[in-house]
Amino acid sequence: MRAMGYNKRMHPVSRGWAAGALLAAAMTVSAAESVPLDGIAAYVNDRAILIGDIVAMLAPVERQLRQSYRGEELERRVAQAWREALNRAVERALILEEFQRRGAEVPDRAVEEEAAAIVSERFNGNRAAFLDALAEERLSLDDYRQMTRESLAILLLRRQEVDARVRIGPREALDYYERNLDRYRTPELLRARLIVVRAGATEEERAVKRREAERLRAAAAGEDFGALAKAHSEGARAAEGGDTGWIPPTALRREIAEAAMRLAPGEISEILETPEDFFIVYLEGRRKASVRPFAEVREEIERALRRAEEQRLHERWIAQLRERHFVRILQPEVPE
């Protein structure tokens, strides 16, 4: 067996894998109380994937789904989640089988360093507390080491077969930027404040409300518009001084948007009259439409391209592993 390449710089990432494995194992133990763990969901070569393992993976997702869905829609989404969990378990088993086929191994020191890191970071250096936590989950230290070893094996092989093969350079990012300029366009934005006066239900009420709107319009010429709106507006944003925030004109009611577009920053509109309300608009500011420069979005694009390329390479790699190793699915659907 040959040791797979490992270095301490990998610690922060691999530690997350180990912690995740610990959680998964704890969930599997809990699932054992209600699910027959000797039921087989799938085989990858001679490696059995237990139904209980899939149930454990599915449990938190199913709880969330039950909060949002009922009836047939719930059943459909749970069935989909089962297939996704089963597929993830098969992928994990395929990678472990490939790791074994290559005669690779995770160095013991890597496993011990992971354990030491968990003890330091999650148990404040108290190894006894760490062992107690394992015992509470009915896991032995050997169980934990094996889980950590498998998680590191998956991490190391994926880094070799996927992460190390990703190549995203400035040219690819620039090409993407130029093909997708619309994604980086910022529409024209304006920021306004509104005073809203409800028009009333009768002609008499409307006349009174009109005079009130005229009084507020006159006062707005010499007072702080935001304070006036906060004190007298009957609109939904009165508490914020009638502030719309920075929004595109299309997000405003048509009459208000048209009035705002005719104003310069600092100007106040005439009274806008609609069947339901009277509006007074103050334009606080306007930002012209623009395109975010490539230099500003380059890192964002490169990260997105890298994620997409990692996913493509991962899917291609898993497809190759499925051809190389025997996979048999025995429980494709949620067990009754």
C-alpha atoms as a PDB file:
ATOM      1  CA  MET A   1       0.000   0.000   0.000  1.00  0.00           C
ATOM      2  CA  ARG A   2       1.334   3.459  -0.824  1.00  0.00           C
ATOM      3  CA  ALA A   3       0.622   6.507   1.301  1.00  0.00           C
ATOM      4  CA  MET A   4      -1.461   9.164  -0.430  1.00  0.00           C
ATOM      5  CA  GLY A   5       0.088  12.631  -0.503  1.00  0.00           C
ATOM      6  CA  TYR A   6      -0.837  14.655   2.587  1.00  0.00           C
ATOM      7  CA  ASN A   7       0.353  17.877   4.111  1.00  0.00           C
ATOM      8  CA  LYS A   8      -0.692  20.054   7.024  1.00  0.00           C
ATOM      9  CA  ARG A   9      -1.971  22.774   4.725  1.00  0.00           C
ATOM     10  CA  MET A  10      -4.890  20.496   3.988  1.00  0.00           C
ATOM     11  CA  HIS A  11      -5.970  20.513   7.610  1.00  0.00           C
ATOM     12  CA  PRO A  12      -8.700  23.192   7.545  1.00  0.00           C
ATOM     13  CA  VAL A  13     -10.593  21.466   4.749  1.00  0.00           C
ATOM     14  CA  SER A  14     -10.083  17.878   5.817  1.00  0.00           C
ATOM     15  CA  ARG A  15     -11.120  18.705   9.372  1.00  0.00           C
ATOM     16  CA  GLY A  16     -14.543  19.627   8.058  1.00  0.00           C
ATOM     17  CA  TRP A  17     -14.790  16.240   6.374  1.00  0.00           C
ATOM     18  CA  ALA A  18     -13.916  14.473   9.599  1.00  0.00           C
ATOM     19  CA  ALA A  19     -16.435  16.460  11.601  1.00  0.00           C
ATOM     20  CA  GLY A  20     -19.073  15.738   8.976  1.00  0.00           C
ATOM     21  CA  ALA A  21     -18.324  12.064   9.145  1.00  0.00           C
ATOM     22  CA  LEU A  22     -18.675  12.106  12.918  1.00  0.00           C
ATOM     23  CA  LEU A  23     -22.099  13.705  12.579  1.00  0.00           C
ATOM     24  CA  ALA A  24     -23.163  11.232   9.913  1.00  0.00           C
ATOM     25  CA  ALA A  25     -22.149   8.341  12.103  1.00  0.00           C
ATOM     26  CA  ALA A  26     -24.104   9.730  15.026  1.00  0.00           C
ATOM     27  CA  MET A  27     -27.180  10.039  12.831  1.00  0.00           C
ATOM     28  CA  THR A  28     -26.754   6.474  11.637  1.00  0.00           C
ATOM     29  CA  VAL A  29     -26.626   5.228  15.202  1.00  0.00           C
ATOM     30  CA  SER A  30     -29.877   7.057  15.961  1.00  0.00           C
ATOM     31  CA  ALA A  31     -31.471   5.658  12.813  1.00  0.00           C
ATOM     32  CA  ALA A  32     -30.623   2.155  13.975  1.00  0.00           C
ATOM     33  CA  GLU A  33     -33.356   2.380  16.578  1.00  0.00           C
ATOM     34  CA  SER A  34     -36.102   2.446  13.940  1.00  0.00           C
ATOM     35  CA  VAL A  35     -34.528   1.055  10.758  1.00  0.00           C
ATOM     36  CA  PRO A  36     -33.127  -2.441  10.193  1.00  0.00           C
ATOM     37  CA  LEU A  37     -29.456  -1.738   9.517  1.00  0.00           C
ATOM     38  CA  ASP A  38     -28.936  -5.124   7.871  1.00  0.00           C
ATOM     39  CA  GLY A  39     -31.152  -3.997   4.974  1.00  0.00           C
ATOM     40  CA  ILE A  40     -28.987  -3.317   1.924  1.00  0.00           C
ATOM     41  CA  ALA A  41     -29.713  -0.298  -0.261  1.00  0.00           C
ATOM     42  CA  ALA A  42     -26.904  -0.863  -2.776  1.00  0.00           C
ATOM     43  CA  TYR A  43     -23.597  -2.580  -3.443  1.00  0.00           C
ATOM     44  CA  VAL A  44     -20.445  -1.055  -4.877  1.00  0.00           C
ATOM     45  CA  ASN A  45     -18.294  -4.056  -5.620  1.00  0.00           C
ATOM     46  CA  ASP A  46     -18.514  -5.944  -2.308  1.00  0.00           C
ATOM     47  CA  ARG A  47     -19.079  -2.785  -0.272  1.00  0.00           C
ATOM     48  CA  ALA A  48     -22.632  -2.719   1.096  1.00  0.00           C
ATOM     49  CA  ILE A  49     -24.525   0.538   1.579  1.00  0.00           C
ATOM     50  CA  LEU A  50     -27.080   0.045   4.344  1.00  0.00           C
ATOM     51  CA  ILE A  51     -30.636   1.313   4.166  1.00  0.00           C
ATOM     52  CA  GLY A  52     -30.049   2.769   7.611  1.00  0.00           C
ATOM     53  CA  ASP A  53     -27.179   4.873   6.244  1.00  0.00           C
ATOM     54  CA  ILE A  54     -29.473   6.427   3.637  1.00  0.00           C
ATOM     55  CA  VAL A  55     -32.240   6.983   6.170  1.00  0.00           C
ATOM     56  CA  ALA A  56     -29.725   8.789   8.384  1.00  0.00           C
ATOM     57  CA  MET A  57     -28.607  11.023   5.519  1.00  0.00           C
ATOM     58  CA  LEU A  58     -32.224  11.734   4.600  1.00  0.00           C
ATOM     59  CA  ALA A  59     -33.505  12.462   8.132  1.00  0.00           C
ATOM     60  CA  PRO A  60     -32.685  16.211   8.402  1.00  0.00           C
ATOM     61  CA  VAL A  61     -33.857  16.868   4.838  1.00  0.00           C
ATOM     62  CA  GLU A  62     -37.123  15.043   5.443  1.00  0.00           C
ATOM     63  CA  ARG A  63     -37.764  17.075   8.596  1.00  0.00           C
ATOM     64  CA  GLN A  64     -37.419  20.284   6.602  1.00  0.00           C
ATOM     65  CA  LEU A  65     -39.645  18.989   3.812  1.00  0.00           C
ATOM     66  CA  ARG A  66     -42.390  18.051   6.287  1.00  0.00           C
ATOM     67  CA  GLN A  67     -42.452  21.649   7.474  1.00  0.00           C
ATOM     68  CA  SER A  68     -43.209  22.930   3.964  1.00  0.00           C
ATOM     69  CA  TYR A  69     -45.151  20.241   2.102  1.00  0.00           C
ATOM     70  CA  ARG A  70     -48.022  17.826   2.530  1.00  0.00           C
ATOM     71  CA  GLY A  71     -49.618  14.917   0.699  1.00  0.00           C
ATOM     72  CA  GLU A  72     -48.425  13.884  -2.749  1.00  0.00           C
ATOM     73  CA  GLU A  73     -46.002  16.799  -3.079  1.00  0.00           C
ATOM     74  CA  LEU A  74     -44.297  15.771   0.163  1.00  0.00           C
ATOM     75  CA  GLU A  75     -44.059  12.167  -1.024  1.00  0.00           C
ATOM     76  CA  ARG A  76     -42.588  13.281  -4.345  1.00  0.00           C
ATOM     77  CA  ARG A  77     -39.950  15.461  -2.715  1.00  0.00           C
ATOM     78  CA  VAL A  78     -39.018  12.837  -0.132  1.00  0.00           C
ATOM     79  CA  ALA A  79     -38.632  10.271  -2.931  1.00  0.00           C
ATOM     80  CA  GLN A  80     -36.369  12.678  -4.814  1.00  0.00           C
ATOM     81  CA  ALA A  81     -34.327  13.338  -1.668  1.00  0.00           C
ATOM     82  CA  TRP A  82     -33.957   9.570  -1.147  1.00  0.00           C
ATOM     83  CA  ARG A  83     -32.565   9.126  -4.657  1.00  0.00           C
ATOM     84  CA  GLU A  84     -30.137  12.008  -4.149  1.00  0.00           C
ATOM     85  CA  ALA A  85     -28.951  10.633  -0.805  1.00  0.00           C
ATOM     86  CA  LEU A  86     -28.528   7.161  -2.282  1.00  0.00           C
ATOM     87  CA  ASN A  87     -26.568   8.624  -5.189  1.00  0.00           C
ATOM     88  CA  ARG A  88     -24.246  10.506  -2.794  1.00  0.00           C
ATOM     89  CA  ALA A  89     -23.657   7.308  -0.818  1.00  0.00           C
ATOM     90  CA  VAL A  90     -22.840   5.405  -4.009  1.00  0.00           C
ATOM     91  CA  GLU A  91     -20.422   8.130  -5.091  1.00  0.00           C
ATOM     92  CA  ARG A  92     -18.694   7.983  -1.710  1.00  0.00           C
ATOM     93  CA  ALA A  93     -18.397   4.206  -1.942  1.00  0.00           C
ATOM     94  CA  LEU A  94     -17.058   4.421  -5.508  1.00  0.00           C
ATOM     95  CA  ILE A  95     -14.301   6.798  -4.451  1.00  0.00           C
ATOM     96  CA  LEU A  96     -13.347   4.582  -1.505  1.00  0.00           C
ATOM     97  CA  GLU A  97     -13.250   1.534  -3.764  1.00  0.00           C
ATOM     98  CA  GLU A  98     -11.062   3.391  -6.250  1.00  0.00           C
ATOM     99  CA  PHE A  99      -8.777   4.517  -3.444  1.00  0.00           C
ATOM    100  CA  GLN A 100      -8.446   0.896  -2.368  1.00  0.00           C
ATOM    101  CA  ARG A 101      -7.943  -0.329  -5.942  1.00  0.00           C
ATOM    102  CA  ARG A 102      -4.976   1.979  -6.323  1.00  0.00           C
ATOM    103  CA  GLY A 103      -3.387   0.538  -3.207  1.00  0.00           C
ATOM    104  CA  ALA A 104      -3.302   3.970  -1.610  1.00  0.00           C
ATOM    105  CA  GLU A 105      -3.585   4.640   2.095  1.00  0.00           C
ATOM    106  CA  VAL A 106      -4.069   7.607   4.400  1.00  0.00           C
ATOM    107  CA  PRO A 107      -1.046   8.070   6.686  1.00  0.00           C
ATOM    108  CA  ASP A 108      -1.739   7.350  10.366  1.00  0.00           C
ATOM    109  CA  ARG A 109      -0.299  10.738  11.278  1.00  0.00           C
ATOM    110  CA  ALA A 110      -2.977  12.444   9.154  1.00  0.00           C
ATOM    111  CA  VAL A 111      -5.716  10.666  11.085  1.00  0.00           C
ATOM    112  CA  GLU A 112      -4.133  11.516  14.431  1.00  0.00           C
ATOM    113  CA  GLU A 113      -3.665  15.145  13.422  1.00  0.00           C
ATOM    114  CA  GLU A 114      -7.348  15.331  12.533  1.00  0.00           C
ATOM    115  CA  ALA A 115      -8.313  13.914  15.914  1.00  0.00           C
ATOM    116  CA  ALA A 116      -5.971  16.321  17.681  1.00  0.00           C
ATOM    117  CA  ALA A 117      -7.445  19.247  15.746  1.00  0.00           C
ATOM    118  CA  ILE A 118     -10.995  18.264  16.686  1.00  0.00           C
ATOM    119  CA  VAL A 119     -10.017  17.904  20.349  1.00  0.00           C
ATOM    120  CA  SER A 120      -8.342  21.323  20.262  1.00  0.00           C
ATOM    121  CA  GLU A 121     -11.021  23.234  18.373  1.00  0.00           C
ATOM    122  CA  ARG A 122     -14.249  21.636  19.582  1.00  0.00           C
ATOM    123  CA  PHE A 123     -13.337  20.402  23.051  1.00  0.00           C
ATOM    124  CA  ASN A 124     -10.840  23.066  24.146  1.00  0.00           C
ATOM    125  CA  GLY A 125      -8.044  20.504  24.216  1.00  0.00           C
ATOM    126  CA  ASN A 126      -9.949  18.184  26.579  1.00  0.00           C
ATOM    127  CA  ARG A 127      -9.410  14.702  25.130  1.00  0.00           C
ATOM    128  CA  ALA A 128     -11.541  13.092  27.837  1.00  0.00           C
ATOM    129  CA  ALA A 129     -14.499  15.253  26.793  1.00  0.00           C
ATOM    130  CA  PHE A 130     -13.923  14.186  23.198  1.00  0.00           C
ATOM    131  CA  LEU A 131     -13.974  10.503  24.170  1.00  0.00           C
ATOM    132  CA  ASP A 132     -17.105  11.087  26.242  1.00  0.00           C
ATOM    133  CA  ALA A 133     -18.809  12.639  23.220  1.00  0.00           C
ATOM    134  CA  LEU A 134     -17.934   9.582  21.142  1.00  0.00           C
ATOM    135  CA  ALA A 135     -19.281   7.303  23.856  1.00  0.00           C
ATOM    136  CA  GLU A 136     -22.553   9.236  23.963  1.00  0.00           C
ATOM    137  CA  GLU A 137     -22.960   8.513  20.269  1.00  0.00           C
ATOM    138  CA  ARG A 138     -21.991   4.875  20.817  1.00  0.00           C
ATOM    139  CA  LEU A 139     -18.826   5.285  18.781  1.00  0.00           C
ATOM    140  CA  SER A 140     -15.419   3.941  19.694  1.00  0.00           C
ATOM    141  CA  LEU A 141     -12.171   5.762  19.010  1.00  0.00           C
ATOM    142  CA  ASP A 142     -11.450   3.149  16.342  1.00  0.00           C
ATOM    143  CA  ASP A 143     -14.813   3.944  14.726  1.00  0.00           C
ATOM    144  CA  TYR A 144     -13.902   7.613  14.648  1.00  0.00           C
ATOM    145  CA  ARG A 145     -10.456   6.902  13.206  1.00  0.00           C
ATOM    146  CA  GLN A 146     -11.962   4.763  10.444  1.00  0.00           C
ATOM    147  CA  MET A 147     -14.504   7.435   9.581  1.00  0.00           C
ATOM    148  CA  THR A 148     -11.755  10.061   9.492  1.00  0.00           C
ATOM    149  CA  ARG A 149      -9.549   7.812   7.370  1.00  0.00           C
ATOM    150  CA  GLU A 150     -12.340   7.344   4.826  1.00  0.00           C
ATOM    151  CA  SER A 151     -13.182  11.044   4.721  1.00  0.00           C
ATOM    152  CA  LEU A 152      -9.533  11.930   4.139  1.00  0.00           C
ATOM    153  CA  ALA A 153      -9.272   9.288   1.434  1.00  0.00           C
ATOM    154  CA  ILE A 154     -12.217  10.837  -0.399  1.00  0.00           C
ATOM    155  CA  LEU A 155     -10.806  14.326   0.029  1.00  0.00           C
ATOM    156  CA  LEU A 156      -7.338  13.370  -1.182  1.00  0.00           C
ATOM    157  CA  LEU A 157      -8.546  11.467  -4.226  1.00  0.00           C
ATOM    158  CA  ARG A 158     -10.986  14.181  -5.233  1.00  0.00           C
ATOM    159  CA  ARG A 159      -8.242  16.782  -4.965  1.00  0.00           C
ATOM    160  CA  GLN A 160      -6.086  14.683  -7.259  1.00  0.00           C
ATOM    161  CA  GLU A 161      -8.772  13.820  -9.814  1.00  0.00           C
ATOM    162  CA  VAL A 162     -10.871  17.002  -9.764  1.00  0.00           C
ATOM    163  CA  ASP A 163      -9.461  20.028  -7.950  1.00  0.00           C
ATOM    164  CA  ALA A 164      -5.928  19.741  -9.315  1.00  0.00           C
ATOM    165  CA  ARG A 165      -7.245  19.517 -12.884  1.00  0.00           C
ATOM    166  CA  VAL A 166      -9.215  22.767 -12.812  1.00  0.00           C
ATOM    167  CA  ARG A 167      -7.600  25.502 -14.872  1.00  0.00           C
ATOM    168  CA  ILE A 168      -9.392  28.838 -15.063  1.00  0.00           C
ATOM    169  CA  GLY A 169      -7.374  31.747 -16.396  1.00  0.00           C
ATOM    170  CA  PRO A 170      -7.999  35.457 -17.079  1.00  0.00           C
ATOM    171  CA  ARG A 171      -8.873  34.779 -20.728  1.00  0.00           C
ATOM    172  CA  GLU A 172     -11.716  32.407 -19.843  1.00  0.00           C
ATOM    173  CA  ALA A 173     -13.054  34.881 -17.301  1.00  0.00           C
ATOM    174  CA  LEU A 174     -12.920  37.774 -19.773  1.00  0.00           C
ATOM    175  CA  ASP A 175     -14.652  35.714 -22.480  1.00  0.00           C
ATOM    176  CA  TYR A 176     -17.432  34.870 -20.026  1.00  0.00           C
ATOM    177  CA  TYR A 177     -17.748  38.520 -19.019  1.00  0.00           C
ATOM    178  CA  GLU A 178     -18.062  39.677 -22.622  1.00  0.00           C
ATOM    179  CA  ARG A 179     -20.644  36.984 -23.437  1.00  0.00           C
ATOM    180  CA  ASN A 180     -22.729  37.851 -20.374  1.00  0.00           C
ATOM    181  CA  LEU A 181     -22.510  41.631 -20.125  1.00  0.00           C
ATOM    182  CA  ASP A 182     -26.208  41.883 -19.271  1.00  0.00           C
ATOM    183  CA  ARG A 183     -25.508  40.110 -15.977  1.00  0.00           C
ATOM    184  CA  TYR A 184     -23.248  42.958 -14.930  1.00  0.00           C
ATOM    185  CA  ARG A 185     -25.404  45.866 -16.000  1.00  0.00           C
ATOM    186  CA  THR A 186     -26.759  48.046 -13.220  1.00  0.00           C
ATOM    187  CA  PRO A 187     -30.028  49.717 -14.256  1.00  0.00           C
ATOM    188  CA  GLU A 188     -30.711  53.353 -13.601  1.00  0.00           C
ATOM    189  CA  LEU A 189     -31.587  53.773  -9.924  1.00  0.00           C
ATOM    190  CA  LEU A 190     -33.258  56.546  -8.056  1.00  0.00           C
ATOM    191  CA  ARG A 191     -33.927  57.256  -4.422  1.00  0.00           C
ATOM    192  CA  ALA A 192     -37.058  59.168  -3.548  1.00  0.00           C
ATOM    193  CA  ARG A 193     -39.143  60.085  -0.532  1.00  0.00           C
ATOM    194  CA  LEU A 194     -42.926  60.115  -0.641  1.00  0.00           C
ATOM    195  CA  ILE A 195     -45.641  61.837   1.313  1.00  0.00           C
ATOM    196  CA  VAL A 196     -48.925  59.989   0.837  1.00  0.00           C
ATOM    197  CA  VAL A 197     -52.304  61.452   1.767  1.00  0.00           C
ATOM    198  CA  ARG A 198     -55.299  59.123   1.484  1.00  0.00           C
ATOM    199  CA  ALA A 199     -57.987  60.701  -0.696  1.00  0.00           C
ATOM    200  CA  GLY A 200     -61.004  59.661   1.383  1.00  0.00           C
ATOM    201  CA  ALA A 201     -64.270  57.985   0.405  1.00  0.00           C
ATOM    202  CA  THR A 202     -66.494  61.015  -0.374  1.00  0.00           C
ATOM    203  CA  GLU A 203     -66.116  64.219  -2.353  1.00  0.00           C
ATOM    204  CA  GLU A 204     -66.145  66.231   0.863  1.00  0.00           C
ATOM    205  CA  GLU A 205     -63.365  64.081   2.378  1.00  0.00           C
ATOM    206  CA  ARG A 206     -61.411  64.320  -0.859  1.00  0.00           C
ATOM    207  CA  ALA A 207     -61.569  68.113  -0.792  1.00  0.00           C
ATOM    208  CA  VAL A 208     -60.305  68.176   2.794  1.00  0.00           C
ATOM    209  CA  LYS A 209     -57.499  65.760   1.966  1.00  0.00           C
ATOM    210  CA  ARG A 210     -56.561  67.805  -1.083  1.00  0.00           C
ATOM    211  CA  ARG A 211     -56.135  70.904   1.063  1.00  0.00           C
ATOM    212  CA  GLU A 212     -54.031  68.867   3.518  1.00  0.00           C
ATOM    213  CA  ALA A 213     -51.810  67.704   0.658  1.00  0.00           C
ATOM    214  CA  GLU A 214     -51.420  71.305  -0.536  1.00  0.00           C
ATOM    215  CA  ARG A 215     -50.428  72.408   2.976  1.00  0.00           C
ATOM    216  CA  LEU A 216     -47.813  69.639   3.186  1.00  0.00           C
ATOM    217  CA  ARG A 217     -46.501  70.467  -0.305  1.00  0.00           C
ATOM    218  CA  ALA A 218     -46.014  74.094   0.739  1.00  0.00           C
ATOM    219  CA  ALA A 219     -44.346  73.088   4.003  1.00  0.00           C
ATOM    220  CA  ALA A 220     -42.021  70.676   2.175  1.00  0.00           C
ATOM    221  CA  ALA A 221     -40.420  73.589   0.336  1.00  0.00           C
ATOM    222  CA  GLY A 222     -38.866  74.861   3.544  1.00  0.00           C
ATOM    223  CA  GLU A 223     -38.715  71.885   5.910  1.00  0.00           C
ATOM    224  CA  ASP A 224     -36.926  68.542   6.086  1.00  0.00           C
ATOM    225  CA  PHE A 225     -38.942  66.350   3.732  1.00  0.00           C
ATOM    226  CA  GLY A 226     -38.102  63.114   5.568  1.00  0.00           C
ATOM    227  CA  ALA A 227     -39.215  64.501   8.923  1.00  0.00           C
ATOM    228  CA  LEU A 228     -42.416  65.838   7.344  1.00  0.00           C
ATOM    229  CA  ALA A 229     -43.159  62.461   5.771  1.00  0.00           C
ATOM    230  CA  LYS A 230     -42.487  60.652   9.034  1.00  0.00           C
ATOM    231  CA  ALA A 231     -44.888  62.913  10.883  1.00  0.00           C
ATOM    232  CA  HIS A 232     -47.717  63.206   8.331  1.00  0.00           C
ATOM    233  CA  SER A 233     -47.488  60.634   5.520  1.00  0.00           C
ATOM    234  CA  GLU A 234     -50.094  57.886   5.451  1.00  0.00           C
ATOM    235  CA  GLY A 235     -47.968  55.659   3.231  1.00  0.00           C
ATOM    236  CA  ALA A 236     -46.447  52.270   4.074  1.00  0.00           C
ATOM    237  CA  ARG A 237     -42.938  53.749   4.519  1.00  0.00           C
ATOM    238  CA  ALA A 238     -43.871  56.709   6.684  1.00  0.00           C
ATOM    239  CA  ALA A 239     -41.778  55.405   9.581  1.00  0.00           C
ATOM    240  CA  GLU A 240     -38.693  55.606   7.296  1.00  0.00           C
ATOM    241  CA  GLY A 241     -39.492  59.170   6.276  1.00  0.00           C
ATOM    242  CA  GLY A 242     -41.098  57.953   3.059  1.00  0.00           C
ATOM    243  CA  ASP A 243     -37.710  56.644   1.846  1.00  0.00           C
ATOM    244  CA  THR A 244     -37.955  54.246  -1.124  1.00  0.00           C
ATOM    245  CA  GLY A 245     -34.275  53.282  -0.976  1.00  0.00           C
ATOM    246  CA  TRP A 246     -32.292  52.887  -4.201  1.00  0.00           C
ATOM    247  CA  ILE A 247     -34.630  51.240  -6.711  1.00  0.00           C
ATOM    248  CA  PRO A 248     -35.155  51.189 -10.482  1.00  0.00           C
ATOM    249  CA  PRO A 249     -37.949  53.501 -11.652  1.00  0.00           C
ATOM    250  CA  THR A 250     -39.930  50.461 -12.831  1.00  0.00           C
ATOM    251  CA  ALA A 251     -40.339  49.416  -9.183  1.00  0.00           C
ATOM    252  CA  LEU A 252     -42.447  52.512  -8.518  1.00  0.00           C
ATOM    253  CA  ARG A 253     -46.044  53.186  -9.423  1.00  0.00           C
ATOM    254  CA  ARG A 254     -46.132  54.609 -12.956  1.00  0.00           C
ATOM    255  CA  GLU A 255     -47.321  58.108 -11.971  1.00  0.00           C
ATOM    256  CA  ILE A 256     -44.685  58.379  -9.246  1.00  0.00           C
ATOM    257  CA  ALA A 257     -41.907  57.091 -11.504  1.00  0.00           C
ATOM    258  CA  GLU A 258     -42.774  59.539 -14.267  1.00  0.00           C
ATOM    259  CA  ALA A 259     -42.813  62.435 -11.812  1.00  0.00           C
ATOM    260  CA  ALA A 260     -39.518  61.364 -10.225  1.00  0.00           C
ATOM    261  CA  MET A 261     -37.817  61.082 -13.629  1.00  0.00           C
ATOM    262  CA  ARG A 262     -38.694  64.716 -14.358  1.00  0.00           C
ATOM    263  CA  LEU A 263     -37.057  65.933 -11.147  1.00  0.00           C
ATOM    264  CA  ALA A 264     -33.467  66.825 -10.422  1.00  0.00           C
ATOM    265  CA  PRO A 265     -32.035  65.676  -7.085  1.00  0.00           C
ATOM    266  CA  GLY A 266     -33.338  67.957  -4.327  1.00  0.00           C
ATOM    267  CA  GLU A 267     -36.504  68.936  -6.200  1.00  0.00           C
ATOM    268  CA  ILE A 268     -40.093  68.315  -5.082  1.00  0.00           C
ATOM    269  CA  SER A 269     -42.933  67.357  -7.404  1.00  0.00           C
ATOM    270  CA  GLU A 270     -46.318  68.982  -7.643  1.00  0.00           C
ATOM    271  CA  ILE A 271     -49.156  67.047  -6.027  1.00  0.00           C
ATOM    272  CA  LEU A 272     -49.901  63.832  -7.907  1.00  0.00           C
ATOM    273  CA  GLU A 273     -53.560  62.930  -7.757  1.00  0.00           C
ATOM    274  CA  THR A 274     -54.953  59.397  -8.189  1.00  0.00           C
ATOM    275  CA  PRO A 275     -58.427  58.070  -7.367  1.00  0.00           C
ATOM    276  CA  GLU A 276     -57.149  56.714  -4.038  1.00  0.00           C
ATOM    277  CA  ASP A 277     -54.308  58.993  -2.933  1.00  0.00           C
ATOM    278  CA  PHE A 278     -52.417  62.251  -3.225  1.00  0.00           C
ATOM    279  CA  PHE A 279     -48.630  61.923  -3.595  1.00  0.00           C
ATOM    280  CA  ILE A 280     -45.781  64.377  -3.126  1.00  0.00           C
ATOM    281  CA  VAL A 281     -42.415  63.159  -4.423  1.00  0.00           C
ATOM    282  CA  TYR A 282     -38.982  64.357  -3.338  1.00  0.00           C
ATOM    283  CA  LEU A 283     -36.043  63.099  -5.417  1.00  0.00           C
ATOM    284  CA  GLU A 284     -33.079  62.452  -3.170  1.00  0.00           C
ATOM    285  CA  GLY A 285     -30.689  61.091  -5.793  1.00  0.00           C
ATOM    286  CA  ARG A 286     -30.234  59.363  -9.139  1.00  0.00           C
ATOM    287  CA  ARG A 287     -27.629  56.884 -10.376  1.00  0.00           C
ATOM    288  CA  LYS A 288     -27.122  56.362 -14.080  1.00  0.00           C
ATOM    289  CA  ALA A 289     -27.234  52.915 -15.643  1.00  0.00           C
ATOM    290  CA  SER A 290     -23.778  51.364 -15.822  1.00  0.00           C
ATOM    291  CA  VAL A 291     -21.841  48.158 -16.410  1.00  0.00           C
ATOM    292  CA  ARG A 292     -19.662  46.824 -13.612  1.00  0.00           C
ATOM    293  CA  PRO A 293     -16.051  46.801 -14.902  1.00  0.00           C
ATOM    294  CA  PHE A 294     -14.325  43.475 -15.495  1.00  0.00           C
ATOM    295  CA  ALA A 295     -11.695  44.216 -12.853  1.00  0.00           C
ATOM    296  CA  GLU A 296     -14.449  44.491 -10.260  1.00  0.00           C
ATOM    297  CA  VAL A 297     -16.137  41.171 -11.109  1.00  0.00           C
ATOM    298  CA  ARG A 298     -13.154  39.106 -12.269  1.00  0.00           C
ATOM    299  CA  GLU A 299     -12.707  37.152  -9.029  1.00  0.00           C
ATOM    300  CA  GLU A 300     -16.450  36.527  -8.801  1.00  0.00           C
ATOM    301  CA  ILE A 301     -16.477  35.147 -12.364  1.00  0.00           C
ATOM    302  CA  GLU A 302     -13.402  32.996 -11.818  1.00  0.00           C
ATOM    303  CA  ARG A 303     -14.948  31.465  -8.685  1.00  0.00           C
ATOM    304  CA  ALA A 304     -18.164  30.690 -10.566  1.00  0.00           C
ATOM    305  CA  LEU A 305     -16.272  29.191 -13.502  1.00  0.00           C
ATOM    306  CA  ARG A 306     -14.149  27.127 -11.143  1.00  0.00           C
ATOM    307  CA  ARG A 307     -17.223  25.746  -9.366  1.00  0.00           C
ATOM    308  CA  ALA A 308     -18.799  24.842 -12.709  1.00  0.00           C
ATOM    309  CA  GLU A 309     -15.602  23.170 -13.928  1.00  0.00           C
ATOM    310  CA  GLU A 310     -15.211  21.264 -10.661  1.00  0.00           C
ATOM    311  CA  GLN A 311     -18.772  19.987 -11.015  1.00  0.00           C
ATOM    312  CA  ARG A 312     -18.179  18.960 -14.634  1.00  0.00           C
ATOM    313  CA  LEU A 313     -14.953  17.131 -13.789  1.00  0.00           C
ATOM    314  CA  HIS A 314     -16.544  15.494 -10.746  1.00  0.00           C
ATOM    315  CA  GLU A 315     -19.477  14.176 -12.773  1.00  0.00           C
ATOM    316  CA  ARG A 316     -17.138  12.888 -15.502  1.00  0.00           C
ATOM    317  CA  TRP A 317     -14.927  11.206 -12.906  1.00  0.00           C
ATOM    318  CA  ILE A 318     -17.869   9.528 -11.152  1.00  0.00           C
ATOM    319  CA  ALA A 319     -19.158   8.291 -14.531  1.00  0.00           C
ATOM    320  CA  GLN A 320     -15.732   6.727 -15.166  1.00  0.00           C
ATOM    321  CA  LEU A 321     -15.772   5.090 -11.735  1.00  0.00           C
ATOM    322  CA  ARG A 322     -19.209   3.643 -12.414  1.00  0.00           C
ATOM    323  CA  GLU A 323     -17.823   2.002 -15.531  1.00  0.00           C
ATOM    324  CA  ARG A 324     -14.813   0.654 -13.649  1.00  0.00           C
ATOM    325  CA  HIS A 325     -16.625  -0.676 -10.583  1.00  0.00           C
ATOM    326  CA  PHE A 326     -19.703  -2.828 -10.105  1.00  0.00           C
ATOM    327  CA  VAL A 327     -22.745  -0.940  -8.840  1.00  0.00           C
ATOM    328  CA  ARG A 328     -26.022  -2.627  -7.945  1.00  0.00           C
ATOM    329  CA  ILE A 329     -28.983  -0.681  -6.562  1.00  0.00           C
ATOM    330  CA  LEU A 330     -31.363  -2.761  -4.453  1.00  0.00           C
ATOM    331  CA  GLN A 331     -33.443  -0.023  -2.846  1.00  0.00           C
ATOM    332  CA  PRO A 332     -33.978   2.751  -5.437  1.00  0.00           C
ATOM    333  CA  GLU A 333     -37.070   4.114  -3.679  1.00  0.00           C
ATOM    334  CA  VAL A 334     -37.956   5.036  -0.093  1.00  0.00           C
ATOM    335  CA  PRO A 335     -38.651   1.790   1.809  1.00  0.00           C
ATOM    336  CA  GLU A 336     -42.244   1.302   2.977  1.00  0.00           C
END
